Amino acid sequence: MRIIVNGAAGLIGSAIAERLRGQYEEIGVDVRAAPTVGLAADCLDVADWGPAVGSVDAIVHVAALHAPHVGRRSDEDFRATNVDGTARLLDFAVSTGVRHFVLTSTTSLYGHALEPARRAVWVDEELEPRPRDIYDATKVAAERLVEAAASANFACTSLRMSRCFPEPAALMAAYRLHRGIDRRDVAEAHALALRRDGEPYACYVISAASPFERGDCGELVDDAPAVIERRCPGLAARMAECGWAVPRSIGRVYDAGRAEAELGFRARFGIHACLAGDWDPPPSG
């Protein structure tokens, strides 16, 4: 199978390209040069890609403007990259007989729906997005384009990945408990999505495995350490040995249960990998 990874120079795109390269004939595309990039091109010019990429079976669309670009890039830039770029890639895919399309989406699109009240928010595919900025709004729009394009001959999947930045170790580790993920797990989720059968369109939350249950949401806001000790005995002590504070309050929990059930996704690099010093990306600072 020949697969285009669009956005192959980025943090996530490079991990996906490396994961797929050993299994498929992978073509990395990006506007920036990188070891994972074989074609320097912009998805807004995808109509000109044909001679360079040849026949393609699948497209993984990672390239986007992200949350850190909000306020630094115009709304028009966001729409051009995140929405128009997706539309043009979909048109290219349909017109050339591509069979699979995977969009790298984000849990950020839930926006205001992530704000807790008296209970932590349980974040799964049934939670209704409430965008709070242009990034969120354009990712929702991109997902809708992907869903509308799906057909019996064109399987489309949106993967809403959770937080994956090289942040301070204590923060990254804590996030892996309830709202973060390792980029290696993100890459594996994309590999699994490319093999997905079933409905023409599917959407999945992709996050590290959380020990929490929906019934914990009230207590997580008020007394997260008690819930952590109950669900993961001894974890708080191990975190303390690393000099990491245990979260006092947790306002959201991401549930990757649907991806586990339907894709066979199992995140491997959660908080215990962090405790063992197994990081990718590495902590900042």
Protein backbone atom coordinates (compact mmCIF):
# COMPACT_ATOMS: atom_id res chain seq x y z
CA MET A 1 0.00 0.00 0.00
CA ARG A 2 1.29 3.48 -0.94
CA ILE A 3 0.49 6.14 1.65
CA ILE A 4 0.96 9.91 1.66
CA VAL A 5 1.67 11.46 5.05
CA ASN A 6 0.96 15.15 4.63
CA GLY A 7 2.74 17.13 7.32
CA ALA A 8 5.57 14.62 7.70
CA ALA A 9 8.09 17.15 9.08
CA GLY A 10 6.17 17.96 12.25
CA LEU A 11 6.30 16.42 15.72
CA ILE A 12 3.36 14.11 15.08
CA GLY A 13 3.69 13.73 11.32
CA SER A 14 7.29 12.56 11.59
CA ALA A 15 6.32 9.89 14.14
CA ILE A 16 3.53 8.67 11.86
CA ALA A 17 5.81 8.62 8.82
CA GLU A 18 8.45 6.63 10.70
CA ARG A 19 5.85 4.16 12.01
CA LEU A 20 4.36 3.53 8.56
CA ARG A 21 7.63 3.43 6.66
CA GLY A 22 8.55 -0.04 7.81
CA GLN A 23 5.17 -1.47 6.82
CA TYR A 24 4.08 0.47 3.72
CA GLU A 25 5.51 2.52 0.87
CA GLU A 26 5.24 5.89 2.59
CA ILE A 27 5.58 9.28 0.89
CA GLY A 28 6.25 12.13 3.31
CA VAL A 29 5.00 15.53 2.15
CA ASP A 30 5.59 18.88 3.85
CA VAL A 31 6.43 22.49 3.05
CA ARG A 32 9.55 22.03 5.20
CA ALA A 33 12.53 19.78 4.55
CA ALA A 34 13.12 16.90 6.97
CA PRO A 35 14.44 13.33 6.92
CA THR A 36 10.82 12.11 6.79
CA VAL A 37 9.92 14.34 3.81
CA GLY A 38 10.28 13.02 0.27
CA LEU A 39 8.22 15.71 -1.47
CA ALA A 40 8.39 19.42 -0.61
CA ALA A 41 4.87 20.65 -1.39
CA ASP A 42 1.82 22.43 -0.01
CA CYS A 43 -1.55 20.68 0.18
CA LEU A 44 -3.13 23.83 -1.26
CA ASP A 45 -1.29 22.87 -4.46
CA VAL A 46 -2.26 19.20 -4.31
CA ALA A 47 -3.64 19.29 -7.86
CA ASP A 48 -0.01 19.47 -9.00
CA TRP A 49 1.17 16.47 -6.95
CA GLY A 50 0.10 13.76 -9.40
CA PRO A 51 3.33 13.21 -11.35
CA ALA A 52 5.42 13.26 -8.16
CA VAL A 53 3.35 10.84 -6.05
CA GLY A 54 1.84 8.51 -8.64
CA SER A 55 -0.86 6.05 -7.60
CA VAL A 56 -1.79 6.32 -3.91
CA ASP A 57 -3.92 4.03 -1.74
CA ALA A 58 -4.25 6.17 1.40
CA ILE A 59 -3.66 9.68 2.74
CA VAL A 60 -2.87 10.64 6.32
CA HIS A 61 -3.50 14.36 6.74
CA VAL A 62 -1.55 15.71 9.70
CA ALA A 63 -0.55 19.19 8.49
CA ALA A 64 -2.36 22.07 10.19
CA LEU A 65 -1.98 25.35 12.00
CA HIS A 66 -2.27 24.61 15.73
CA ALA A 67 -3.30 26.22 19.00
CA PRO A 68 0.10 27.97 19.51
CA HIS A 69 -0.51 29.80 16.20
CA VAL A 70 -3.71 31.44 17.49
CA GLY A 71 -3.12 35.18 17.68
CA ARG A 72 0.06 34.85 15.62
CA ARG A 73 -1.57 33.83 12.35
CA SER A 74 -4.71 35.30 10.83
CA ASP A 75 -8.09 33.60 10.82
CA GLU A 76 -7.79 33.50 7.03
CA ASP A 77 -4.54 31.54 7.34
CA PHE A 78 -6.24 29.05 9.65
CA ARG A 79 -9.13 28.55 7.24
CA ALA A 80 -6.81 28.19 4.25
CA THR A 81 -4.58 25.60 5.90
CA ASN A 82 -6.99 23.66 8.09
CA VAL A 83 -10.17 23.79 6.01
CA ASP A 84 -9.29 24.57 2.39
CA GLY A 85 -6.24 22.31 2.54
CA THR A 86 -8.36 19.44 3.82
CA ALA A 87 -10.99 20.03 1.13
CA ARG A 88 -8.39 19.97 -1.64
CA LEU A 89 -6.78 16.80 -0.32
CA LEU A 90 -10.19 15.13 -0.19
CA ASP A 91 -10.95 16.19 -3.75
CA PHE A 92 -7.58 14.80 -4.85
CA ALA A 93 -8.23 11.56 -2.97
CA VAL A 94 -11.68 11.01 -4.48
CA SER A 95 -10.60 11.92 -8.01
CA THR A 96 -7.59 9.57 -7.95
CA GLY A 97 -9.25 6.56 -6.33
CA VAL A 98 -7.65 6.74 -2.87
CA ARG A 99 -9.34 4.21 -0.57
CA HIS A 100 -8.47 5.49 2.92
CA PHE A 101 -8.20 8.98 4.43
CA VAL A 102 -7.16 9.63 8.02
CA LEU A 103 -7.39 13.12 9.51
CA THR A 104 -5.26 13.98 12.52
CA SER A 105 -7.72 15.96 14.59
CA THR A 106 -7.62 17.21 18.17
CA THR A 107 -9.48 17.07 21.46
CA SER A 108 -9.02 20.85 21.60
CA LEU A 109 -12.08 21.19 19.35
CA TYR A 110 -14.32 20.42 22.33
CA GLY A 111 -13.46 23.94 23.47
CA HIS A 112 -15.85 25.32 26.07
CA ALA A 113 -17.32 21.84 26.60
CA LEU A 114 -14.08 20.96 28.46
CA GLU A 115 -14.76 23.45 31.25
CA PRO A 116 -15.73 21.59 34.44
CA ALA A 117 -18.49 22.68 36.81
CA ARG A 118 -19.00 20.49 39.88
CA ARG A 119 -17.81 17.40 38.08
CA ALA A 120 -14.91 16.59 35.81
CA VAL A 121 -15.90 16.41 32.15
CA TRP A 122 -15.94 12.93 30.66
CA VAL A 123 -14.54 13.43 27.17
CA ASP A 124 -15.53 10.91 24.53
CA GLU A 125 -16.94 11.00 21.02
CA GLU A 126 -20.44 11.81 22.27
CA LEU A 127 -19.38 15.12 23.84
CA GLU A 128 -20.54 17.98 21.61
CA PRO A 129 -17.73 20.30 20.46
CA ARG A 130 -18.09 23.95 21.50
CA PRO A 131 -15.17 25.72 19.77
CA ARG A 132 -13.58 28.62 21.64
CA ASP A 133 -11.13 29.88 18.98
CA ILE A 134 -10.31 29.73 15.29
CA TYR A 135 -8.19 26.60 15.74
CA ASP A 136 -11.05 24.67 17.30
CA ALA A 137 -13.55 25.95 14.74
CA THR A 138 -11.39 25.02 11.75
CA LYS A 139 -10.71 21.53 13.07
CA VAL A 140 -14.45 20.96 13.52
CA ALA A 141 -14.97 22.19 9.94
CA ALA A 142 -12.24 19.84 8.67
CA GLU A 143 -13.84 16.87 10.41
CA ARG A 144 -17.18 17.68 8.84
CA LEU A 145 -15.60 17.75 5.38
CA VAL A 146 -14.00 14.37 6.00
CA GLU A 147 -17.26 12.87 7.23
CA ALA A 148 -19.19 14.24 4.22
CA ALA A 149 -16.64 12.77 1.79
CA ALA A 150 -16.76 9.23 3.20
CA SER A 151 -18.42 6.53 1.11
CA ALA A 152 -18.51 2.77 0.69
CA ASN A 153 -15.39 3.03 -1.47
CA PHE A 154 -13.65 5.73 0.55
CA ALA A 155 -13.11 5.02 4.25
CA CYS A 156 -12.49 8.17 6.30
CA THR A 157 -11.41 8.44 9.92
CA SER A 158 -10.88 11.39 12.28
CA LEU A 159 -8.52 10.83 15.21
CA ARG A 160 -8.96 13.36 18.01
CA MET A 161 -5.59 13.17 19.71
CA SER A 162 -5.05 14.55 23.20
CA ARG A 163 -2.21 16.74 24.46
CA CYS A 164 1.24 15.80 23.18
CA PHE A 165 3.85 18.51 23.77
CA PRO A 166 7.41 18.37 25.20
CA GLU A 167 6.45 20.04 28.49
CA PRO A 168 8.02 19.83 31.96
CA ALA A 169 8.16 16.21 33.15
CA ALA A 170 5.77 16.65 36.07
CA LEU A 171 3.12 18.17 33.82
CA MET A 172 3.50 15.61 31.04
CA ALA A 173 3.31 12.73 33.51
CA ALA A 174 0.21 14.09 35.21
CA TYR A 175 -1.49 14.65 31.87
CA ARG A 176 -0.87 11.01 30.90
CA LEU A 177 -3.26 10.11 33.73
CA HIS A 178 -6.24 11.81 32.15
CA ARG A 179 -5.61 14.02 29.07
CA GLY A 180 -2.25 13.39 27.42
CA ILE A 181 -0.57 10.95 25.05
CA ASP A 182 2.83 9.92 23.73
CA ARG A 183 3.43 10.57 20.05
CA ARG A 184 4.38 6.91 19.52
CA ASP A 185 0.87 5.95 20.61
CA VAL A 186 -0.56 8.58 18.27
CA ALA A 187 1.41 7.03 15.41
CA GLU A 188 0.15 3.56 16.26
CA ALA A 189 -3.45 4.80 16.28
CA HIS A 190 -2.99 6.10 12.74
CA ALA A 191 -1.58 2.76 11.60
CA LEU A 192 -4.61 1.01 13.07
CA ALA A 193 -7.03 3.50 11.47
CA LEU A 194 -5.62 2.69 8.04
CA ARG A 195 -6.75 -0.91 8.55
CA ARG A 196 -10.20 0.01 9.83
CA ASP A 197 -13.25 -1.81 8.46
CA GLY A 198 -16.91 -1.01 9.00
CA GLU A 199 -18.79 2.22 8.49
CA PRO A 200 -17.50 4.66 5.86
CA TYR A 201 -16.76 7.26 8.54
CA ALA A 202 -15.62 6.97 12.14
CA CYS A 203 -14.24 9.36 14.76
CA TYR A 204 -12.14 8.40 17.78
CA VAL A 205 -10.67 10.05 20.86
CA ILE A 206 -7.02 8.97 21.15
CA SER A 207 -5.41 9.35 24.56
CA ALA A 208 -3.28 7.46 27.07
CA ALA A 209 -5.16 4.88 29.10
CA SER A 210 -6.79 6.48 32.14
CA PRO A 211 -7.40 4.58 35.39
CA PHE A 212 -10.50 6.64 36.14
CA GLU A 213 -14.15 5.74 35.67
CA ARG A 214 -17.08 7.97 34.84
CA GLY A 215 -18.34 7.66 38.41
CA ASP A 216 -15.13 9.31 39.68
CA CYS A 217 -15.88 12.64 37.99
CA GLY A 218 -17.37 14.36 41.03
CA GLU A 219 -14.56 13.41 43.39
CA LEU A 220 -11.83 14.13 40.84
CA VAL A 221 -12.64 17.84 40.96
CA ASP A 222 -12.65 17.99 44.76
CA ASP A 223 -10.02 15.43 45.78
CA ALA A 224 -8.03 13.96 42.90
CA PRO A 225 -5.30 12.46 45.17
CA ALA A 226 -7.87 10.24 46.90
CA VAL A 227 -9.13 8.90 43.57
CA ILE A 228 -5.58 8.39 42.28
CA GLU A 229 -4.64 6.38 45.39
CA ARG A 230 -7.81 4.28 45.11
CA ARG A 231 -7.36 3.54 41.40
CA CYS A 232 -3.54 3.34 41.39
CA PRO A 233 -2.26 2.39 44.85
CA GLY A 234 1.29 3.60 45.41
CA LEU A 235 1.38 5.86 42.34
CA ALA A 236 1.42 9.06 44.38
CA ALA A 237 4.47 7.83 46.31
CA ARG A 238 6.29 7.01 43.08
CA MET A 239 5.49 10.45 41.70
CA ALA A 240 6.80 12.03 44.90
CA GLU A 241 10.08 10.12 44.49
CA CYS A 242 10.48 11.88 41.13
CA GLY A 243 9.68 15.25 42.71
CA TRP A 244 6.34 15.45 40.90
CA ALA A 245 3.27 16.83 42.62
CA VAL A 246 0.06 14.81 42.46
CA PRO A 247 -2.76 16.81 40.84
CA ARG A 248 -5.07 18.26 43.51
CA SER A 249 -7.98 18.60 41.09
CA ILE A 250 -8.69 17.02 37.71
CA GLY A 251 -11.28 18.73 35.52
CA ARG A 252 -11.47 16.37 32.53
CA VAL A 253 -10.89 12.74 31.65
CA TYR A 254 -10.38 11.56 28.07
CA ASP A 255 -11.88 8.18 27.24
CA ALA A 256 -10.28 6.21 24.38
CA GLY A 257 -12.64 3.28 24.93
CA ARG A 258 -14.18 3.39 21.47
CA ALA A 259 -10.76 3.30 19.80
CA GLU A 260 -9.82 0.37 22.02
CA ALA A 261 -12.99 -1.54 21.14
CA GLU A 262 -13.13 -0.80 17.41
CA LEU A 263 -9.49 -0.25 16.37
CA GLY A 264 -7.73 -2.44 18.89
CA PHE A 265 -5.85 0.63 20.12
CA ARG A 266 -3.90 0.22 23.37
CA ALA A 267 -1.76 3.13 24.53
CA ARG A 268 1.61 1.80 25.70
CA PHE A 269 3.31 4.93 26.99
CA GLY A 270 1.29 6.29 29.89
CA ILE A 271 2.40 7.58 33.27
CA HIS A 272 4.25 4.37 34.14
CA ALA A 273 6.44 4.83 31.06
CA CYS A 274 7.14 8.37 32.27
CA LEU A 275 8.15 7.05 35.68
CA ALA A 276 10.53 4.66 33.94
CA GLY A 277 12.07 7.54 31.98
CA ASP A 278 10.61 6.46 28.65
CA TRP A 279 9.60 9.73 26.98
CA ASP A 280 8.90 10.71 23.41
CA PRO A 281 8.89 13.64 23.01
CA PRO A 282 11.32 14.33 25.88
CA PRO A 283 10.30 16.74 28.66
CA SER A 284 11.28 20.35 28.18
CA GLY A 285 13.48 22.19 30.63
